[in-house]
Each structure stands twice: as structure tokens, then as C-alpha cells.
PDB file of N, CA and C in Angstrom:
ATOM      1  N   MET A   1     -33.492  -7.619  -9.743  1.00  0.00           N
ATOM      2  CA  MET A   1     -32.212  -7.065 -10.085  1.00  0.00           C
ATOM      3  C   MET A   1     -31.480  -6.715  -8.788  1.00  0.00           C
ATOM      4  N   THR A   2     -30.232  -7.085  -8.725  1.00  0.00           N
ATOM      5  CA  THR A   2     -29.442  -6.736  -7.548  1.00  0.00           C
ATOM      6  C   THR A   2     -28.509  -5.594  -7.901  1.00  0.00           C
ATOM      7  N   THR A   3     -28.213  -4.796  -6.905  1.00  0.00           N
ATOM      8  CA  THR A   3     -27.265  -3.701  -7.118  1.00  0.00           C
ATOM      9  C   THR A   3     -26.020  -3.990  -6.313  1.00  0.00           C
ATOM     10  N   THR A   4     -24.929  -3.559  -6.847  1.00  0.00           N
ATOM     11  CA  THR A   4     -23.649  -3.749  -6.182  1.00  0.00           C
ATOM     12  C   THR A   4     -23.143  -2.395  -5.724  1.00  0.00           C
ATOM     13  N   ALA A   5     -22.785  -2.319  -4.458  1.00  0.00           N
ATOM     14  CA  ALA A   5     -22.203  -1.082  -3.946  1.00  0.00           C
ATOM     15  C   ALA A   5     -20.711  -1.089  -4.231  1.00  0.00           C
ATOM     16  N   PHE A   6     -20.230  -0.026  -4.796  1.00  0.00           N
ATOM     17  CA  PHE A   6     -18.807   0.089  -5.089  1.00  0.00           C
ATOM     18  C   PHE A   6     -18.156   0.940  -4.019  1.00  0.00           C
ATOM     19  N   VAL A   7     -17.024   0.504  -3.566  1.00  0.00           N
ATOM     20  CA  VAL A   7     -16.256   1.254  -2.582  1.00  0.00           C
ATOM     21  C   VAL A   7     -15.072   1.861  -3.306  1.00  0.00           C
ATOM     22  N   ARG A   8     -14.880   3.124  -3.122  1.00  0.00           N
ATOM     23  CA  ARG A   8     -13.788   3.826  -3.779  1.00  0.00           C
ATOM     24  C   ARG A   8     -12.725   4.187  -2.753  1.00  0.00           C
ATOM     25  N   LEU A   9     -11.487   4.264  -3.204  1.00  0.00           N
ATOM     26  CA  LEU A   9     -10.404   4.645  -2.305  1.00  0.00           C
ATOM     27  C   LEU A   9     -10.649   6.017  -1.701  1.00  0.00           C
ATOM     28  N   THR A  10     -11.348   6.881  -2.419  1.00  0.00           N
ATOM     29  CA  THR A  10     -11.606   8.217  -1.895  1.00  0.00           C
ATOM     30  C   THR A  10     -12.587   8.186  -0.734  1.00  0.00           C
ATOM     31  N   ASP A  11     -13.236   7.045  -0.515  1.00  0.00           N
ATOM     32  CA  ASP A  11     -14.157   6.906   0.605  1.00  0.00           C
ATOM     33  C   ASP A  11     -13.418   6.692   1.914  1.00  0.00           C
ATOM     34  N   PHE A  12     -12.116   6.531   1.867  1.00  0.00           N
ATOM     35  CA  PHE A  12     -11.329   6.209   3.049  1.00  0.00           C
ATOM     36  C   PHE A  12     -10.261   7.260   3.290  1.00  0.00           C
ATOM     37  N   ASP A  13      -9.901   7.406   4.557  1.00  0.00           N
ATOM     38  CA  ASP A  13      -8.744   8.203   4.911  1.00  0.00           C
ATOM     39  C   ASP A  13      -7.557   7.254   4.838  1.00  0.00           C
ATOM     40  N   LEU A  14      -6.722   7.409   3.825  1.00  0.00           N
ATOM     41  CA  LEU A  14      -5.620   6.476   3.614  1.00  0.00           C
ATOM     42  C   LEU A  14      -4.541   6.594   4.675  1.00  0.00           C
ATOM     43  N   GLU A  15      -4.584   7.651   5.455  1.00  0.00           N
ATOM     44  CA  GLU A  15      -3.592   7.833   6.513  1.00  0.00           C
ATOM     45  C   GLU A  15      -4.112   7.367   7.871  1.00  0.00           C
ATOM     46  N   GLU A  16      -5.323   6.844   7.913  1.00  0.00           N
ATOM     47  CA  GLU A  16      -5.875   6.351   9.177  1.00  0.00           C
ATOM     48  C   GLU A  16      -5.053   5.154   9.663  1.00  0.00           C
ATOM     49  N   PRO A  17      -4.551   5.220  10.897  1.00  0.00           N
ATOM     50  CA  PRO A  17      -3.728   4.116  11.397  1.00  0.00           C
ATOM     51  C   PRO A  17      -4.567   3.002  12.027  1.00  0.00           C
ATOM     52  N   PHE A  18      -4.066   1.787  11.890  1.00  0.00           N
ATOM     53  CA  PHE A  18      -4.691   0.611  12.477  1.00  0.00           C
ATOM     54  C   PHE A  18      -3.634  -0.161  13.252  1.00  0.00           C
ATOM     55  N   ALA A  19      -4.031  -0.697  14.380  1.00  0.00           N
ATOM     56  CA  ALA A  19      -3.118  -1.544  15.151  1.00  0.00           C
ATOM     57  C   ALA A  19      -2.682  -2.718  14.283  1.00  0.00           C
ATOM     58  N   LEU A  20      -1.516  -3.240  14.553  1.00  0.00           N
ATOM     59  CA  LEU A  20      -0.965  -4.335  13.756  1.00  0.00           C
ATOM     60  C   LEU A  20      -1.926  -5.520  13.700  1.00  0.00           C
ATOM     61  N   GLU A  21      -2.580  -5.819  14.807  1.00  0.00           N
ATOM     62  CA  GLU A  21      -3.534  -6.938  14.835  1.00  0.00           C
ATOM     63  C   GLU A  21      -4.735  -6.655  13.939  1.00  0.00           C
ATOM     64  N   GLU A  22      -5.205  -5.402  13.927  1.00  0.00           N
ATOM     65  CA  GLU A  22      -6.323  -5.033  13.049  1.00  0.00           C
ATOM     66  C   GLU A  22      -5.887  -5.122  11.587  1.00  0.00           C
ATOM     67  N   ALA A  23      -4.691  -4.651  11.296  1.00  0.00           N
ATOM     68  CA  ALA A  23      -4.174  -4.713   9.932  1.00  0.00           C
ATOM     69  C   ALA A  23      -4.021  -6.166   9.488  1.00  0.00           C
ATOM     70  N   ALA A  24      -3.562  -7.004  10.402  1.00  0.00           N
ATOM     71  CA  ALA A  24      -3.406  -8.427  10.076  1.00  0.00           C
ATOM     72  C   ALA A  24      -4.755  -9.052   9.763  1.00  0.00           C
ATOM     73  N   GLU A  25      -5.751  -8.727  10.553  1.00  0.00           N
ATOM     74  CA  GLU A  25      -7.089  -9.275  10.306  1.00  0.00           C
ATOM     75  C   GLU A  25      -7.643  -8.779   8.973  1.00  0.00           C
ATOM     76  N   ALA A  26      -7.424  -7.506   8.676  1.00  0.00           N
ATOM     77  CA  ALA A  26      -7.941  -6.923   7.437  1.00  0.00           C
ATOM     78  C   ALA A  26      -7.256  -7.482   6.200  1.00  0.00           C
ATOM     79  N   THR A  27      -5.977  -7.819   6.309  1.00  0.00           N
ATOM     80  CA  THR A  27      -5.228  -8.301   5.145  1.00  0.00           C
ATOM     81  C   THR A  27      -5.118  -9.815   5.069  1.00  0.00           C
ATOM     82  N   GLY A  28      -5.484 -10.499   6.156  1.00  0.00           N
ATOM     83  CA  GLY A  28      -5.384 -11.952   6.174  1.00  0.00           C
ATOM     84  C   GLY A  28      -3.971 -12.450   6.409  1.00  0.00           C
ATOM     85  N   ALA A  29      -3.102 -11.572   6.870  1.00  0.00           N
ATOM     86  CA  ALA A  29      -1.707 -11.954   7.115  1.00  0.00           C
ATOM     87  C   ALA A  29      -1.457 -12.087   8.609  1.00  0.00           C
ATOM     88  N   PRO A  30      -0.590 -12.970   9.006  1.00  0.00           N
ATOM     89  CA  PRO A  30      -0.236 -13.058  10.421  1.00  0.00           C
ATOM     90  C   PRO A  30       0.464 -11.763  10.865  1.00  0.00           C
ATOM     91  N   PRO A  31       0.192 -11.302  12.085  1.00  0.00           N
ATOM     92  CA  PRO A  31       0.849 -10.085  12.568  1.00  0.00           C
ATOM     93  C   PRO A  31       2.367 -10.161  12.480  1.00  0.00           C
ATOM     94  N   ARG A  32       2.942 -11.337  12.681  1.00  0.00           N
ATOM     95  CA  ARG A  32       4.399 -11.466  12.646  1.00  0.00           C
ATOM     96  C   ARG A  32       4.952 -11.178  11.262  1.00  0.00           C
ATOM     97  N   VAL A  33       4.203 -11.484  10.207  1.00  0.00           N
ATOM     98  CA  VAL A  33       4.644 -11.177   8.840  1.00  0.00           C
ATOM     99  C   VAL A  33       4.662  -9.664   8.638  1.00  0.00           C
ATOM    100  N   LEU A  34       3.600  -9.003   9.072  1.00  0.00           N
ATOM    101  CA  LEU A  34       3.545  -7.546   8.940  1.00  0.00           C
ATOM    102  C   LEU A  34       4.666  -6.893   9.740  1.00  0.00           C
ATOM    103  N   TRP A  35       4.895  -7.381  10.973  1.00  0.00           N
ATOM    104  CA  TRP A  35       5.946  -6.836  11.820  1.00  0.00           C
ATOM    105  C   TRP A  35       7.310  -7.026  11.152  1.00  0.00           C
ATOM    106  N   HIS A  36       7.540  -8.182  10.551  1.00  0.00           N
ATOM    107  CA  HIS A  36       8.800  -8.441   9.854  1.00  0.00           C
ATOM    108  C   HIS A  36       8.991  -7.452   8.698  1.00  0.00           C
ATOM    109  N   LEU A  37       7.938  -7.198   7.943  1.00  0.00           N
ATOM    110  CA  LEU A  37       8.036  -6.273   6.815  1.00  0.00           C
ATOM    111  C   LEU A  37       8.279  -4.841   7.283  1.00  0.00           C
ATOM    112  N   VAL A  38       7.695  -4.478   8.420  1.00  0.00           N
ATOM    113  CA  VAL A  38       7.941  -3.155   8.998  1.00  0.00           C
ATOM    114  C   VAL A  38       9.399  -3.056   9.433  1.00  0.00           C
ATOM    115  N   ARG A  39       9.869  -4.065  10.163  1.00  0.00           N
ATOM    116  CA  ARG A  39      11.267  -4.067  10.642  1.00  0.00           C
ATOM    117  C   ARG A  39      12.253  -4.045   9.480  1.00  0.00           C
ATOM    118  N   SER A  40      11.883  -4.676   8.379  1.00  0.00           N
ATOM    119  CA  SER A  40      12.758  -4.740   7.201  1.00  0.00           C
ATOM    120  C   SER A  40      12.706  -3.458   6.366  1.00  0.00           C
ATOM    121  N   GLY A  41      11.782  -2.577   6.689  1.00  0.00           N
ATOM    122  CA  GLY A  41      11.648  -1.336   5.932  1.00  0.00           C
ATOM    123  C   GLY A  41      10.836  -1.479   4.662  1.00  0.00           C
ATOM    124  N   LEU A  42      10.158  -2.612   4.496  1.00  0.00           N
ATOM    125  CA  LEU A  42       9.366  -2.838   3.293  1.00  0.00           C
ATOM    126  C   LEU A  42       7.951  -2.297   3.419  1.00  0.00           C
ATOM    127  N   LEU A  43       7.507  -2.089   4.645  1.00  0.00           N
ATOM    128  CA  LEU A  43       6.222  -1.441   4.930  1.00  0.00           C
ATOM    129  C   LEU A  43       6.481  -0.315   5.911  1.00  0.00           C
ATOM    130  N   GLU A  44       5.840   0.804   5.659  1.00  0.00           N
ATOM    131  CA  GLU A  44       6.011   1.955   6.526  1.00  0.00           C
ATOM    132  C   GLU A  44       4.966   1.904   7.644  1.00  0.00           C
ATOM    133  N   ALA A  45       5.416   2.126   8.859  1.00  0.00           N
ATOM    134  CA  ALA A  45       4.518   2.124  10.016  1.00  0.00           C
ATOM    135  C   ALA A  45       4.542   3.492  10.680  1.00  0.00           C
ATOM    136  N   VAL A  46       3.484   3.757  11.420  1.00  0.00           N
ATOM    137  CA  VAL A  46       3.450   4.892  12.332  1.00  0.00           C
ATOM    138  C   VAL A  46       3.422   4.278  13.724  1.00  0.00           C
ATOM    139  N   TRP A  47       3.802   5.058  14.716  1.00  0.00           N
ATOM    140  CA  TRP A  47       3.919   4.511  16.059  1.00  0.00           C
ATOM    141  C   TRP A  47       2.947   5.213  16.979  1.00  0.00           C
ATOM    142  N   ASP A  48       2.236   4.430  17.792  1.00  0.00           N
ATOM    143  CA  ASP A  48       1.313   5.037  18.745  1.00  0.00           C
ATOM    144  C   ASP A  48       2.080   5.551  19.959  1.00  0.00           C
ATOM    145  N   GLU A  49       1.354   6.124  20.919  1.00  0.00           N
ATOM    146  CA  GLU A  49       1.970   6.730  22.101  1.00  0.00           C
ATOM    147  C   GLU A  49       2.782   5.732  22.917  1.00  0.00           C
ATOM    148  N   SER A  50       2.385   4.478  22.886  1.00  0.00           N
ATOM    149  CA  SER A  50       3.082   3.457  23.674  1.00  0.00           C
ATOM    150  C   SER A  50       4.224   2.795  22.895  1.00  0.00           C
ATOM    151  N   GLY A  51       4.487   3.293  21.682  1.00  0.00           N
ATOM    152  CA  GLY A  51       5.588   2.751  20.894  1.00  0.00           C
ATOM    153  C   GLY A  51       5.234   1.525  20.069  1.00  0.00           C
ATOM    154  N   GLN A  52       3.944   1.227  19.931  1.00  0.00           N
ATOM    155  CA  GLN A  52       3.513   0.079  19.139  1.00  0.00           C
ATOM    156  C   GLN A  52       3.338   0.485  17.681  1.00  0.00           C
ATOM    157  N   PRO A  53       3.767  -0.370  16.752  1.00  0.00           N
ATOM    158  CA  PRO A  53       3.612  -0.035  15.335  1.00  0.00           C
ATOM    159  C   PRO A  53       2.155  -0.131  14.905  1.00  0.00           C
ATOM    160  N   MET A  54       1.800   0.776  14.018  1.00  0.00           N
ATOM    161  CA  MET A  54       0.465   0.783  13.421  1.00  0.00           C
ATOM    162  C   MET A  54       0.646   0.953  11.922  1.00  0.00           C
ATOM    163  N   LEU A  55      -0.235   0.349  11.157  1.00  0.00           N
ATOM    164  CA  LEU A  55      -0.191   0.488   9.704  1.00  0.00           C
ATOM    165  C   LEU A  55      -1.329   1.376   9.241  1.00  0.00           C
ATOM    166  N   THR A  56      -1.018   2.284   8.334  1.00  0.00           N
ATOM    167  CA  THR A  56      -2.076   3.115   7.759  1.00  0.00           C
ATOM    168  C   THR A  56      -2.830   2.292   6.708  1.00  0.00           C
ATOM    169  N   ALA A  57      -3.987   2.793   6.332  1.00  0.00           N
ATOM    170  CA  ALA A  57      -4.746   2.144   5.266  1.00  0.00           C
ATOM    171  C   ALA A  57      -3.910   2.098   3.990  1.00  0.00           C
ATOM    172  N   ARG A  58      -3.117   3.155   3.744  1.00  0.00           N
ATOM    173  CA  ARG A  58      -2.245   3.183   2.568  1.00  0.00           C
ATOM    174  C   ARG A  58      -1.218   2.040   2.624  1.00  0.00           C
ATOM    175  N   ALA A  59      -0.637   1.808   3.799  1.00  0.00           N
ATOM    176  CA  ALA A  59       0.339   0.726   3.954  1.00  0.00           C
ATOM    177  C   ALA A  59      -0.327  -0.639   3.761  1.00  0.00           C
ATOM    178  N   MET A  60      -1.574  -0.757   4.233  1.00  0.00           N
ATOM    179  CA  MET A  60      -2.278  -2.034   4.043  1.00  0.00           C
ATOM    180  C   MET A  60      -2.576  -2.281   2.565  1.00  0.00           C
ATOM    181  N   LEU A  61      -2.926  -1.219   1.828  1.00  0.00           N
ATOM    182  CA  LEU A  61      -3.136  -1.374   0.383  1.00  0.00           C
ATOM    183  C   LEU A  61      -1.845  -1.799  -0.303  1.00  0.00           C
ATOM    184  N   ARG A  62      -0.737  -1.198   0.108  1.00  0.00           N
ATOM    185  CA  ARG A  62       0.562  -1.583  -0.445  1.00  0.00           C
ATOM    186  C   ARG A  62       0.848  -3.052  -0.143  1.00  0.00           C
ATOM    187  N   PHE A  63       0.567  -3.485   1.081  1.00  0.00           N
ATOM    188  CA  PHE A  63       0.800  -4.882   1.437  1.00  0.00           C
ATOM    189  C   PHE A  63      -0.073  -5.806   0.597  1.00  0.00           C
ATOM    190  N   ARG A  64      -1.324  -5.436   0.364  1.00  0.00           N
ATOM    191  CA  ARG A  64      -2.212  -6.284  -0.456  1.00  0.00           C
ATOM    192  C   ARG A  64      -1.646  -6.433  -1.873  1.00  0.00           C
ATOM    193  N   ARG A  65      -1.092  -5.352  -2.413  1.00  0.00           N
ATOM    194  CA  ARG A  65      -0.462  -5.425  -3.738  1.00  0.00           C
ATOM    195  C   ARG A  65       0.756  -6.341  -3.686  1.00  0.00           C
ATOM    196  N   MET A  66       1.535  -6.238  -2.608  1.00  0.00           N
ATOM    197  CA  MET A  66       2.698  -7.110  -2.438  1.00  0.00           C
ATOM    198  C   MET A  66       2.255  -8.570  -2.349  1.00  0.00           C
ATOM    199  N   GLN A  67       1.167  -8.830  -1.626  1.00  0.00           N
ATOM    200  CA  GLN A  67       0.640 -10.194  -1.514  1.00  0.00           C
ATOM    201  C   GLN A  67       0.275 -10.753  -2.884  1.00  0.00           C
ATOM    202  N   ARG A  68      -0.374  -9.929  -3.708  1.00  0.00           N
ATOM    203  CA  ARG A  68      -0.773 -10.410  -5.039  1.00  0.00           C
ATOM    204  C   ARG A  68       0.448 -10.743  -5.894  1.00  0.00           C
ATOM    205  N   LEU A  69       1.463  -9.894  -5.857  1.00  0.00           N
ATOM    206  CA  LEU A  69       2.680 -10.191  -6.614  1.00  0.00           C
ATOM    207  C   LEU A  69       3.336 -11.469  -6.107  1.00  0.00           C
ATOM    208  N   HIS A  70       3.319 -11.645  -4.804  1.00  0.00           N
ATOM    209  CA  HIS A  70       3.904 -12.851  -4.199  1.00  0.00           C
ATOM    210  C   HIS A  70       3.112 -14.093  -4.613  1.00  0.00           C
ATOM    211  N   ARG A  71       1.806 -14.011  -4.466  1.00  0.00           N
ATOM    212  CA  ARG A  71       0.948 -15.159  -4.768  1.00  0.00           C
ATOM    213  C   ARG A  71       0.896 -15.470  -6.261  1.00  0.00           C
ATOM    214  N   ASP A  72       0.684 -14.447  -7.086  1.00  0.00           N
ATOM    215  CA  ASP A  72       0.443 -14.682  -8.510  1.00  0.00           C
ATOM    216  C   ASP A  72       1.721 -14.884  -9.325  1.00  0.00           C
ATOM    217  N   LEU A  73       2.810 -14.226  -8.913  1.00  0.00           N
ATOM    218  CA  LEU A  73       4.038 -14.290  -9.702  1.00  0.00           C
ATOM    219  C   LEU A  73       5.208 -14.927  -8.976  1.00  0.00           C
ATOM    220  N   GLY A  74       5.019 -15.263  -7.706  1.00  0.00           N
ATOM    221  CA  GLY A  74       6.086 -15.887  -6.947  1.00  0.00           C
ATOM    222  C   GLY A  74       7.203 -14.932  -6.545  1.00  0.00           C
ATOM    223  N   VAL A  75       6.921 -13.628  -6.592  1.00  0.00           N
ATOM    224  CA  VAL A  75       7.918 -12.621  -6.226  1.00  0.00           C
ATOM    225  C   VAL A  75       8.000 -12.561  -4.702  1.00  0.00           C
ATOM    226  N   ASN A  76       9.228 -12.525  -4.172  1.00  0.00           N
ATOM    227  CA  ASN A  76       9.318 -12.389  -2.714  1.00  0.00           C
ATOM    228  C   ASN A  76       8.921 -10.971  -2.316  1.00  0.00           C
ATOM    229  N   PHE A  77       8.719 -10.745  -1.023  1.00  0.00           N
ATOM    230  CA  PHE A  77       8.201  -9.453  -0.577  1.00  0.00           C
ATOM    231  C   PHE A  77       9.175  -8.309  -0.846  1.00  0.00           C
ATOM    232  N   ALA A  78      10.463  -8.554  -0.759  1.00  0.00           N
ATOM    233  CA  ALA A  78      11.436  -7.506  -1.064  1.00  0.00           C
ATOM    234  C   ALA A  78      11.353  -7.124  -2.547  1.00  0.00           C
ATOM    235  N   GLY A  79      11.248  -8.119  -3.396  1.00  0.00           N
ATOM    236  CA  GLY A  79      11.095  -7.859  -4.829  1.00  0.00           C
ATOM    237  C   GLY A  79       9.793  -7.145  -5.135  1.00  0.00           C
ATOM    238  N   ALA A  80       8.739  -7.537  -4.446  1.00  0.00           N
ATOM    239  CA  ALA A  80       7.441  -6.888  -4.644  1.00  0.00           C
ATOM    240  C   ALA A  80       7.517  -5.420  -4.248  1.00  0.00           C
ATOM    241  N   ALA A  81       8.229  -5.115  -3.166  1.00  0.00           N
ATOM    242  CA  ALA A  81       8.374  -3.726  -2.732  1.00  0.00           C
ATOM    243  C   ALA A  81       9.110  -2.906  -3.786  1.00  0.00           C
ATOM    244  N   VAL A  82      10.152  -3.488  -4.372  1.00  0.00           N
ATOM    245  CA  VAL A  82      10.896  -2.790  -5.432  1.00  0.00           C
ATOM    246  C   VAL A  82       9.988  -2.548  -6.632  1.00  0.00           C
ATOM    247  N   ILE A  83       9.222  -3.549  -7.031  1.00  0.00           N
ATOM    248  CA  ILE A  83       8.301  -3.407  -8.160  1.00  0.00           C
ATOM    249  C   ILE A  83       7.313  -2.281  -7.889  1.00  0.00           C
ATOM    250  N   LEU A  84       6.730  -2.255  -6.696  1.00  0.00           N
ATOM    251  CA  LEU A  84       5.744  -1.222  -6.376  1.00  0.00           C
ATOM    252  C   LEU A  84       6.380   0.158  -6.344  1.00  0.00           C
ATOM    253  N   ASP A  85       7.601   0.258  -5.832  1.00  0.00           N
ATOM    254  CA  ASP A  85       8.301   1.545  -5.834  1.00  0.00           C
ATOM    255  C   ASP A  85       8.528   2.025  -7.268  1.00  0.00           C
ATOM    256  N   LEU A  86       8.915   1.113  -8.157  1.00  0.00           N
ATOM    257  CA  LEU A  86       9.146   1.476  -9.552  1.00  0.00           C
ATOM    258  C   LEU A  86       7.850   1.880 -10.248  1.00  0.00           C
ATOM    259  N   VAL A  87       6.777   1.156  -9.985  1.00  0.00           N
ATOM    260  CA  VAL A  87       5.479   1.505 -10.570  1.00  0.00           C
ATOM    261  C   VAL A  87       5.043   2.885 -10.077  1.00  0.00           C
ATOM    262  N   ASP A  88       5.214   3.161  -8.785  1.00  0.00           N
ATOM    263  CA  ASP A  88       4.867   4.480  -8.249  1.00  0.00           C
ATOM    264  C   ASP A  88       5.678   5.568  -8.933  1.00  0.00           C
ATOM    265  N   ARG A  89       6.968   5.311  -9.133  1.00  0.00           N
ATOM    266  CA  ARG A  89       7.840   6.297  -9.779  1.00  0.00           C
ATOM    267  C   ARG A  89       7.422   6.522 -11.221  1.00  0.00           C
ATOM    268  N   ILE A  90       7.078   5.461 -11.929  1.00  0.00           N
ATOM    269  CA  ILE A  90       6.618   5.592 -13.317  1.00  0.00           C
ATOM    270  C   ILE A  90       5.333   6.407 -13.362  1.00  0.00           C
ATOM    271  N   GLU A  91       4.406   6.138 -12.455  1.00  0.00           N
ATOM    272  CA  GLU A  91       3.149   6.891 -12.415  1.00  0.00           C
ATOM    273  C   GLU A  91       3.409   8.366 -12.126  1.00  0.00           C
ATOM    274  N   GLN A  92       4.337   8.648 -11.213  1.00  0.00           N
ATOM    275  CA  GLN A  92       4.687  10.034 -10.900  1.00  0.00           C
ATOM    276  C   GLN A  92       5.284  10.724 -12.123  1.00  0.00           C
ATOM    277  N   MET A  93       6.179  10.045 -12.809  1.00  0.00           N
ATOM    278  CA  MET A  93       6.797  10.617 -13.997  1.00  0.00           C
ATOM    279  C   MET A  93       5.759  10.845 -15.092  1.00  0.00           C
ATOM    280  N   ARG A  94       4.812   9.949 -15.212  1.00  0.00           N
ATOM    281  CA  ARG A  94       3.744  10.096 -16.210  1.00  0.00           C
ATOM    282  C   ARG A  94       2.897  11.333 -15.903  1.00  0.00           C
ATOM    283  N   ARG A  95       2.580  11.542 -14.617  1.00  0.00           N
ATOM    284  CA  ARG A  95       1.816  12.744 -14.240  1.00  0.00           C
ATOM    285  C   ARG A  95       2.612  14.009 -14.562  1.00  0.00           C
ATOM    286  N   GLU A  96       3.914  13.984 -14.262  1.00  0.00           N
ATOM    287  CA  GLU A  96       4.765  15.139 -14.547  1.00  0.00           C
ATOM    288  C   GLU A  96       4.838  15.396 -16.048  1.00  0.00           C
ATOM    289  N   LEU A  97       4.948  14.357 -16.838  1.00  0.00           N
ATOM    290  CA  LEU A  97       4.992  14.492 -18.290  1.00  0.00           C
ATOM    291  C   LEU A  97       3.677  15.065 -18.815  1.00  0.00           C
ATOM    292  N   ASP A  98       2.560  14.563 -18.316  1.00  0.00           N
ATOM    293  CA  ASP A  98       1.251  15.092 -18.725  1.00  0.00           C
ATOM    294  C   ASP A  98       1.125  16.568 -18.370  1.00  0.00           C
ATOM    295  N   GLU A  99       1.631  16.933 -17.188  1.00  0.00           N
ATOM    296  CA  GLU A  99       1.582  18.335 -16.761  1.00  0.00           C
ATOM    297  C   GLU A  99       2.428  19.208 -17.684  1.00  0.00           C
ATOM    298  N   LEU A 100       3.633  18.762 -17.988  1.00  0.00           N
ATOM    299  CA  LEU A 100       4.494  19.513 -18.902  1.00  0.00           C
ATOM    300  C   LEU A 100       3.870  19.617 -20.290  1.00  0.00           C
ATOM    301  N   HIS A 101       3.315  18.529 -20.734  1.00  0.00           N
ATOM    302  CA  HIS A 101       2.682  18.514 -22.065  1.00  0.00           C
ATOM    303  C   HIS A 101       1.533  19.513 -22.113  1.00  0.00           C
ATOM    304  N   SER A 102       0.740  19.573 -21.078  1.00  0.00           N
ATOM    305  CA  SER A 102      -0.409  20.490 -21.058  1.00  0.00           C
ATOM    306  C   SER A 102       0.033  21.952 -21.027  1.00  0.00           C
ATOM    307  N   LYS A 103       1.214  22.240 -20.498  1.00  0.00           N
ATOM    308  CA  LYS A 103       1.725  23.609 -20.448  1.00  0.00           C
ATOM    309  C   LYS A 103       2.204  24.089 -21.803  1.00  0.00           C
ATOM    310  N   PHE A 104       2.714  23.162 -22.619  1.00  0.00           N
ATOM    311  CA  PHE A 104       3.333  23.559 -23.883  1.00  0.00           C
ATOM    312  C   PHE A 104       2.479  23.286 -25.102  1.00  0.00           C
ATOM    313  N   VAL A 105       1.358  22.657 -24.937  1.00  0.00           N
ATOM    314  CA  VAL A 105       0.475  22.396 -26.064  1.00  0.00           C
ATOM    315  C   VAL A 105      -0.508  23.565 -26.155  1.00  0.00           C
ATOM    316  N   VAL A 106      -0.601  24.133 -27.327  1.00  0.00           N
ATOM    317  CA  VAL A 106      -1.460  25.310 -27.520  1.00  0.00           C
ATOM    318  C   VAL A 106      -2.819  24.896 -27.970  1.00  0.00           C
TER     319      VAL A 106
END
């Protein structure tokens, strides 16, 4: 019998920054694509002391989701960013609704 190790998002510091080249290697994307998305405002970067962009683990997860939308549905990266922003907003509203519901349900 083989066992599979599961990795959970909670096992990572989602704010840990990675150099653009490291992020590119981790996501399988060319650094120039990531740099373009950062310059376009579609991916959020942090900047190191020398002024070089770095992507957090959270930004890399967002990019992976954008890649899947692009690959599976043919959505361009700008459209994928809008979709992810809307999904995040819906999830936030759902949490707020659940919180309100729990306050008023006896």
C-alpha cells in the first residue's frame, strides 16, 4: 500500500516572496510573462531592496488559477484576473452573509 502526502495551503507562508525567476520556474511560465502581468497590474508584486519585483506564494497561486482559466477556457489573462477578483468578492460576501446569519439565528 502506498501513502500519499497531502500538502495544504496552511503549510506555507503565502506572503513569502520569491524572485521572478524562481516564480517562473515554480509556475512553468517564462519570467517575461510574469513581468508583463506585474506591469499590467494583473499580478501583485513586492519589491526587494534593489528594486527587483518578487512574487509572493499567494501571487503565484493566483497566477496558476489564471493559467488554468487561460488553458481550459481560452480566457485571456486580463479576463482571468477579473474572474478571480469576482470569485474572491463572492467568497467574501458569502463569509459576511454566514457571519450575519449566525448572529441572528437563535
